[in-house]
């Protein structure tokens, strides 16, 4: 059901939020020289990593829970409205080229649908029903994870997504930028990054948006590390499907193995351009099919496949 809060009630709710607080000391910011405004803004932004650092234990616990579900075939779904929704869609869209994930594995849903990525969709963020419909369209279930993202922590779309996902047995995470938020309370894992009032009153695309981006980077990246999508700090789960990726693939294999160009080319040719497999053929001195089998048996984890190969 769409929210029917009267304007005065909503105004009172917003005034109580740290992210909406007015800062009288900045009331004349528009009269300052551009360099001074830039310094102020940069100083504000510098406080965000510290706020994130205070919540690292909660972030790590959430990541371990996500990785456990995704290892069983689950999906990671971000749900939010406005800036928060766009950041979720952005993070999801970057996983396939970075980690060679299927586009259905990490998904972003935004209140109002794809149109809302570039324009405001009237009333969409106020609808918990819309969130439920979006998740039902994905068939969210027990092995999936749904991350509700909302700077205020009170957005009905994000809360509705988390509540519905939890009722369906999915793992739930609530990412907000205010303390004691309804969103964090609704989720199994509540993460509240309190960055304080914005440079421009209520403009949560600033510090709050930066904080959300940092946390979403951690959720997806470290989850993929836990799932074996990397070898050390190398993105080994890429496939050489165009000229740029072929060049990157050769460099990754070289960094991982120290092999010469001709050996790298043979390994990539023998493994149909699969970087992980090519590294394994070189380091374990096995052929392409054997590398594929070892990786499959190791659940895609290159270190585990290498260990298994050296024991045989």
Protein backbone atom coordinates (compact mmCIF):
# COMPACT_ATOMS: atom_id res chain seq x y z
CA UNK A 1 0.00 0.00 0.00
CA UNK A 2 1.25 3.48 -0.85
CA UNK A 3 2.11 5.63 2.16
CA UNK A 4 -0.61 8.08 3.20
CA UNK A 5 1.32 10.03 5.86
CA UNK A 6 0.13 13.61 5.99
CA UNK A 7 2.67 16.30 5.06
CA UNK A 8 3.10 17.59 8.62
CA UNK A 9 3.83 14.10 9.97
CA UNK A 10 6.35 13.50 7.19
CA UNK A 11 8.00 16.85 7.82
CA UNK A 12 8.36 15.99 11.50
CA UNK A 13 9.90 12.61 10.59
CA UNK A 14 12.41 14.23 8.26
CA UNK A 15 13.38 16.91 10.76
CA UNK A 16 14.28 14.17 13.25
CA UNK A 17 16.75 12.55 10.83
CA UNK A 18 20.45 13.32 11.10
CA UNK A 19 20.78 13.22 7.31
CA UNK A 20 18.16 15.99 7.01
CA UNK A 21 19.57 18.32 9.68
CA UNK A 22 20.15 21.98 8.82
CA UNK A 23 23.60 23.42 9.45
CA UNK A 24 23.37 27.16 10.15
CA UNK A 25 27.16 27.57 9.93
CA UNK A 26 26.85 26.82 6.19
CA UNK A 27 23.97 29.20 5.53
CA UNK A 28 26.21 31.55 3.51
CA UNK A 29 28.04 28.85 1.55
CA UNK A 30 26.75 30.24 -1.74
CA UNK A 31 28.65 33.46 -1.08
CA UNK A 32 32.02 31.75 -0.70
CA UNK A 33 34.71 31.47 -3.40
CA UNK A 34 34.50 28.24 -5.37
CA UNK A 35 37.80 26.94 -3.96
CA UNK A 36 36.54 27.42 -0.41
CA UNK A 37 33.34 25.50 -1.18
CA UNK A 38 35.42 22.72 -2.75
CA UNK A 39 37.59 22.55 0.38
CA UNK A 40 34.52 22.37 2.60
CA UNK A 41 33.01 19.60 0.50
CA UNK A 42 36.26 17.66 0.37
CA UNK A 43 36.59 17.91 4.13
CA UNK A 44 33.06 16.58 4.56
CA UNK A 45 33.76 13.66 2.23
CA UNK A 46 36.92 12.78 4.18
CA UNK A 47 34.81 11.87 7.21
CA UNK A 48 32.90 9.11 5.40
CA UNK A 49 35.51 6.30 5.53
CA UNK A 50 35.79 6.76 9.30
CA UNK A 51 32.03 6.34 9.66
CA UNK A 52 32.21 3.17 7.55
CA UNK A 53 35.14 1.85 9.62
CA UNK A 54 33.00 1.99 12.76
CA UNK A 55 30.64 -0.57 11.23
CA UNK A 56 33.15 -3.01 9.75
CA UNK A 57 32.21 -5.89 12.11
CA UNK A 58 28.56 -5.66 11.02
CA UNK A 59 29.58 -5.39 7.37
CA UNK A 60 31.87 -8.43 7.63
CA UNK A 61 29.17 -10.53 9.32
CA UNK A 62 26.72 -9.61 6.55
CA UNK A 63 29.26 -10.51 3.84
CA UNK A 64 29.92 -13.95 5.33
CA UNK A 65 26.17 -14.62 5.40
CA UNK A 66 25.77 -13.47 1.78
CA UNK A 67 28.68 -15.61 0.57
CA UNK A 68 27.27 -18.69 2.29
CA UNK A 69 23.94 -18.29 0.48
CA UNK A 70 25.49 -17.44 -2.87
CA UNK A 71 27.70 -20.53 -2.61
CA UNK A 72 24.45 -22.50 -2.57
CA UNK A 73 23.23 -20.83 -5.75
CA UNK A 74 21.57 -17.79 -4.23
CA UNK A 75 21.38 -14.30 -5.69
CA UNK A 76 22.28 -10.89 -4.28
CA UNK A 77 19.49 -8.37 -4.80
CA UNK A 78 19.72 -4.65 -4.02
CA UNK A 79 16.48 -2.71 -3.51
CA UNK A 80 16.18 1.03 -3.07
CA UNK A 81 14.70 4.27 -4.33
CA UNK A 82 16.32 7.36 -5.84
CA UNK A 83 20.08 7.63 -5.29
CA UNK A 84 20.14 4.50 -3.11
CA UNK A 85 18.39 2.49 -5.81
CA UNK A 86 20.68 3.80 -8.52
CA UNK A 87 23.75 2.85 -6.50
CA UNK A 88 22.41 -0.69 -6.12
CA UNK A 89 21.78 -1.00 -9.85
CA UNK A 90 25.28 0.36 -10.54
CA UNK A 91 26.97 -2.13 -8.23
CA UNK A 92 24.98 -5.02 -9.68
CA UNK A 93 25.74 -4.00 -13.27
CA UNK A 94 29.48 -3.97 -12.60
CA UNK A 95 29.66 -7.56 -11.32
CA UNK A 96 29.44 -9.39 -14.68
CA UNK A 97 32.38 -7.57 -16.31
CA UNK A 98 34.45 -7.66 -13.11
CA UNK A 99 33.77 -11.19 -11.87
CA UNK A 100 32.23 -12.96 -14.89
CA UNK A 101 29.01 -13.49 -12.96
CA UNK A 102 25.75 -14.23 -14.72
CA UNK A 103 23.65 -11.02 -14.90
CA UNK A 104 20.98 -12.78 -12.81
CA UNK A 105 23.35 -13.43 -9.88
CA UNK A 106 23.61 -9.83 -8.65
CA UNK A 107 20.54 -7.72 -9.39
CA UNK A 108 19.48 -4.18 -8.59
CA UNK A 109 15.82 -3.18 -8.40
CA UNK A 110 14.84 0.46 -8.11
CA UNK A 111 11.49 1.95 -7.15
CA UNK A 112 9.78 2.92 -10.38
CA UNK A 113 11.77 0.53 -12.58
CA UNK A 114 14.47 1.31 -15.17
CA UNK A 115 12.91 4.70 -15.94
CA UNK A 116 13.79 5.79 -12.40
CA UNK A 117 17.50 5.50 -13.19
CA UNK A 118 17.35 8.79 -15.07
CA UNK A 119 14.19 10.51 -13.87
CA UNK A 120 12.00 10.75 -10.78
CA UNK A 121 9.03 8.37 -10.73
CA UNK A 122 6.26 9.99 -8.71
CA UNK A 123 5.39 8.17 -5.50
CA UNK A 124 7.35 4.98 -6.28
CA UNK A 125 9.55 5.19 -3.19
CA UNK A 126 6.45 5.37 -0.96
CA UNK A 127 5.12 2.00 -2.12
CA UNK A 128 5.93 -1.15 -0.17
CA UNK A 129 3.53 -3.01 -2.49
CA UNK A 130 5.71 -2.09 -5.45
CA UNK A 131 8.74 -3.55 -3.70
CA UNK A 132 6.90 -6.80 -3.01
CA UNK A 133 5.83 -7.02 -6.65
CA UNK A 134 9.39 -6.40 -7.86
CA UNK A 135 10.79 -9.17 -5.63
CA UNK A 136 8.01 -11.57 -6.60
CA UNK A 137 8.92 -10.88 -10.23
CA UNK A 138 12.39 -12.19 -9.43
CA UNK A 139 11.04 -15.16 -7.47
CA UNK A 140 13.10 -14.32 -4.40
CA UNK A 141 13.46 -17.31 -2.06
CA UNK A 142 15.42 -18.81 0.85
CA UNK A 143 18.87 -18.97 -0.76
CA UNK A 144 18.75 -15.34 -1.91
CA UNK A 145 19.86 -12.15 -0.16
CA UNK A 146 18.00 -8.85 -0.36
CA UNK A 147 19.75 -5.63 0.64
CA UNK A 148 17.45 -2.70 1.31
CA UNK A 149 19.29 0.59 0.79
CA UNK A 150 17.98 3.92 2.09
CA UNK A 151 19.84 6.93 3.44
CA UNK A 152 16.96 7.91 5.71
CA UNK A 153 16.27 4.33 6.74
CA UNK A 154 12.53 5.05 6.51
CA UNK A 155 11.84 4.63 2.75
CA UNK A 156 8.75 2.39 2.42
CA UNK A 157 10.04 0.74 -0.77
CA UNK A 158 13.30 -0.40 0.88
CA UNK A 159 11.59 -1.47 4.11
CA UNK A 160 8.88 -3.28 2.18
CA UNK A 161 11.50 -5.15 0.15
CA UNK A 162 13.32 -6.30 3.29
CA UNK A 163 10.15 -7.32 5.13
CA UNK A 164 8.82 -9.26 2.14
CA UNK A 165 12.16 -10.95 1.49
CA UNK A 166 12.44 -11.99 5.12
CA UNK A 167 8.93 -13.45 5.00
CA UNK A 168 10.05 -15.49 1.97
CA UNK A 169 13.01 -16.87 3.94
CA UNK A 170 15.69 -14.80 2.21
CA UNK A 171 18.66 -13.30 4.04
CA UNK A 172 18.09 -9.58 4.60
CA UNK A 173 20.42 -6.62 5.05
CA UNK A 174 19.34 -3.06 5.79
CA UNK A 175 21.80 -0.30 4.86
CA UNK A 176 20.92 3.14 6.21
CA UNK A 177 22.65 6.38 7.22
CA UNK A 178 20.65 7.19 10.34
CA UNK A 179 20.80 5.52 13.75
CA UNK A 180 17.87 3.47 15.04
CA UNK A 181 16.35 3.21 11.57
CA UNK A 182 13.25 1.19 10.71
CA UNK A 183 15.14 -0.36 7.79
CA UNK A 184 17.99 -1.74 9.91
CA UNK A 185 15.48 -2.99 12.50
CA UNK A 186 13.53 -4.86 9.81
CA UNK A 187 16.60 -6.73 8.53
CA UNK A 188 18.60 -9.59 10.01
CA UNK A 189 21.76 -7.59 9.41
CA UNK A 190 21.36 -3.87 10.06
CA UNK A 191 24.20 -1.61 8.91
CA UNK A 192 23.89 2.04 9.86
CA UNK A 193 26.62 4.37 8.57
CA UNK A 194 25.93 7.67 10.34
CA UNK A 195 27.69 10.35 8.32
CA UNK A 196 25.89 13.34 9.82
CA UNK A 197 24.16 16.31 8.16
CA UNK A 198 24.95 17.03 4.54
CA UNK A 199 26.70 20.08 3.09
CA UNK A 200 23.44 20.86 1.30
CA UNK A 201 20.55 20.19 3.66
CA UNK A 202 18.97 16.82 2.91
CA UNK A 203 21.06 16.12 -0.21
CA UNK A 204 21.81 12.50 0.60
CA UNK A 205 23.49 11.91 -2.76
CA UNK A 206 26.53 13.45 -1.06
CA UNK A 207 28.06 11.87 2.09
CA UNK A 208 25.27 9.32 2.51
CA UNK A 209 25.57 8.28 -1.14
CA UNK A 210 29.35 7.96 -0.81
CA UNK A 211 28.96 5.82 2.31
CA UNK A 212 26.44 3.56 0.56
CA UNK A 213 28.75 3.16 -2.44
CA UNK A 214 31.66 2.19 -0.18
CA UNK A 215 29.58 -0.42 1.64
CA UNK A 216 28.10 -1.86 -1.57
CA UNK A 217 31.64 -2.11 -2.98
CA UNK A 218 32.56 -4.18 0.07
CA UNK A 219 29.46 -6.38 -0.05
CA UNK A 220 29.93 -7.40 -3.67
CA UNK A 221 33.74 -7.43 -3.88
CA UNK A 222 34.48 -9.33 -0.67
CA UNK A 223 31.62 -11.75 -1.35
CA UNK A 224 33.20 -12.52 -4.72
CA UNK A 225 36.59 -12.99 -3.04
CA UNK A 226 34.98 -15.46 -0.63
CA UNK A 227 33.40 -17.28 -3.61
CA UNK A 228 36.79 -17.78 -5.27
CA UNK A 229 36.39 -15.17 -7.99
CA UNK A 230 39.89 -13.87 -7.31
CA UNK A 231 43.39 -15.29 -6.80
CA UNK A 232 45.17 -12.99 -4.42
CA UNK A 233 44.16 -9.55 -5.68
CA UNK A 234 43.86 -10.67 -9.30
CA UNK A 235 40.50 -10.85 -11.08
CA UNK A 236 40.97 -14.36 -12.43
CA UNK A 237 37.33 -15.12 -13.16
CA UNK A 238 37.29 -13.17 -16.40
CA UNK A 239 37.00 -14.64 -19.88
CA UNK A 240 38.99 -13.27 -22.82
CA UNK A 241 36.10 -12.36 -25.13
CA UNK A 242 37.44 -9.18 -26.80
CA UNK A 243 40.80 -7.54 -27.52
CA UNK A 244 40.93 -5.54 -24.28
CA UNK A 245 39.98 -8.53 -22.16
CA UNK A 246 42.43 -10.75 -24.02
CA UNK A 247 45.23 -8.32 -23.17
CA UNK A 248 44.09 -8.13 -19.56
CA UNK A 249 43.83 -11.92 -19.38
CA UNK A 250 47.40 -12.36 -20.60
CA UNK A 251 48.63 -9.87 -17.99
CA UNK A 252 46.72 -11.61 -15.18
CA UNK A 253 48.12 -15.01 -16.15
CA UNK A 254 51.62 -13.50 -16.31
CA UNK A 255 51.29 -11.91 -12.86
CA UNK A 256 49.94 -15.13 -11.36
CA UNK A 257 52.47 -17.49 -12.93
CA UNK A 258 55.52 -15.55 -14.09
CA UNK A 259 55.27 -17.47 -17.37
CA UNK A 260 56.53 -16.19 -20.72
CA UNK A 261 54.22 -14.93 -23.47
CA UNK A 262 54.32 -18.06 -25.61
CA UNK A 263 53.46 -20.33 -22.68
CA UNK A 264 50.61 -18.00 -21.67
CA UNK A 265 49.21 -18.01 -25.20
CA UNK A 266 49.28 -21.83 -25.30
CA UNK A 267 47.57 -22.05 -21.90
CA UNK A 268 44.79 -19.63 -22.87
CA UNK A 269 44.28 -21.45 -26.18
CA UNK A 270 44.05 -24.77 -24.35
CA UNK A 271 41.43 -23.45 -21.93
CA UNK A 272 39.25 -21.46 -24.37
CA UNK A 273 40.41 -18.18 -22.86
CA UNK A 274 39.49 -19.05 -19.26
CA UNK A 275 42.06 -17.29 -17.08
CA UNK A 276 41.65 -19.47 -13.98
CA UNK A 277 42.04 -22.62 -16.02
CA UNK A 278 45.06 -21.25 -17.87
CA UNK A 279 46.81 -20.38 -14.60
CA UNK A 280 46.12 -23.86 -13.29
CA UNK A 281 47.52 -25.55 -16.40
CA UNK A 282 50.77 -23.64 -15.93
CA UNK A 283 51.21 -23.83 -12.17
CA UNK A 284 49.98 -27.42 -11.78
CA UNK A 285 51.37 -28.61 -15.13
CA UNK A 286 48.09 -30.19 -16.21
CA UNK A 287 46.14 -30.06 -19.46
CA UNK A 288 43.04 -27.99 -20.10
CA UNK A 289 40.39 -30.65 -19.38
CA UNK A 290 42.16 -31.64 -16.15
CA UNK A 291 42.28 -27.99 -15.05
CA UNK A 292 38.56 -27.68 -15.70
CA UNK A 293 37.80 -30.80 -13.69
CA UNK A 294 39.98 -29.73 -10.76
CA UNK A 295 38.32 -26.32 -10.62
CA UNK A 296 34.86 -27.85 -10.76
CA UNK A 297 35.74 -30.20 -7.91
CA UNK A 298 37.10 -27.21 -5.94
CA UNK A 299 33.92 -25.18 -6.43
CA UNK A 300 35.78 -22.69 -8.61
CA UNK A 301 38.43 -21.85 -6.00
CA UNK A 302 41.81 -21.71 -7.72
CA UNK A 303 43.88 -22.10 -4.53
CA UNK A 304 41.95 -25.21 -3.59
CA UNK A 305 42.33 -26.64 -7.08
CA UNK A 306 46.09 -26.01 -6.96
CA UNK A 307 46.33 -27.72 -3.59
CA UNK A 308 44.41 -30.72 -4.90
CA UNK A 309 46.62 -30.94 -7.98
CA UNK A 310 49.85 -30.92 -5.98
CA UNK A 311 48.57 -33.73 -3.74
CA UNK A 312 48.06 -36.08 -6.65
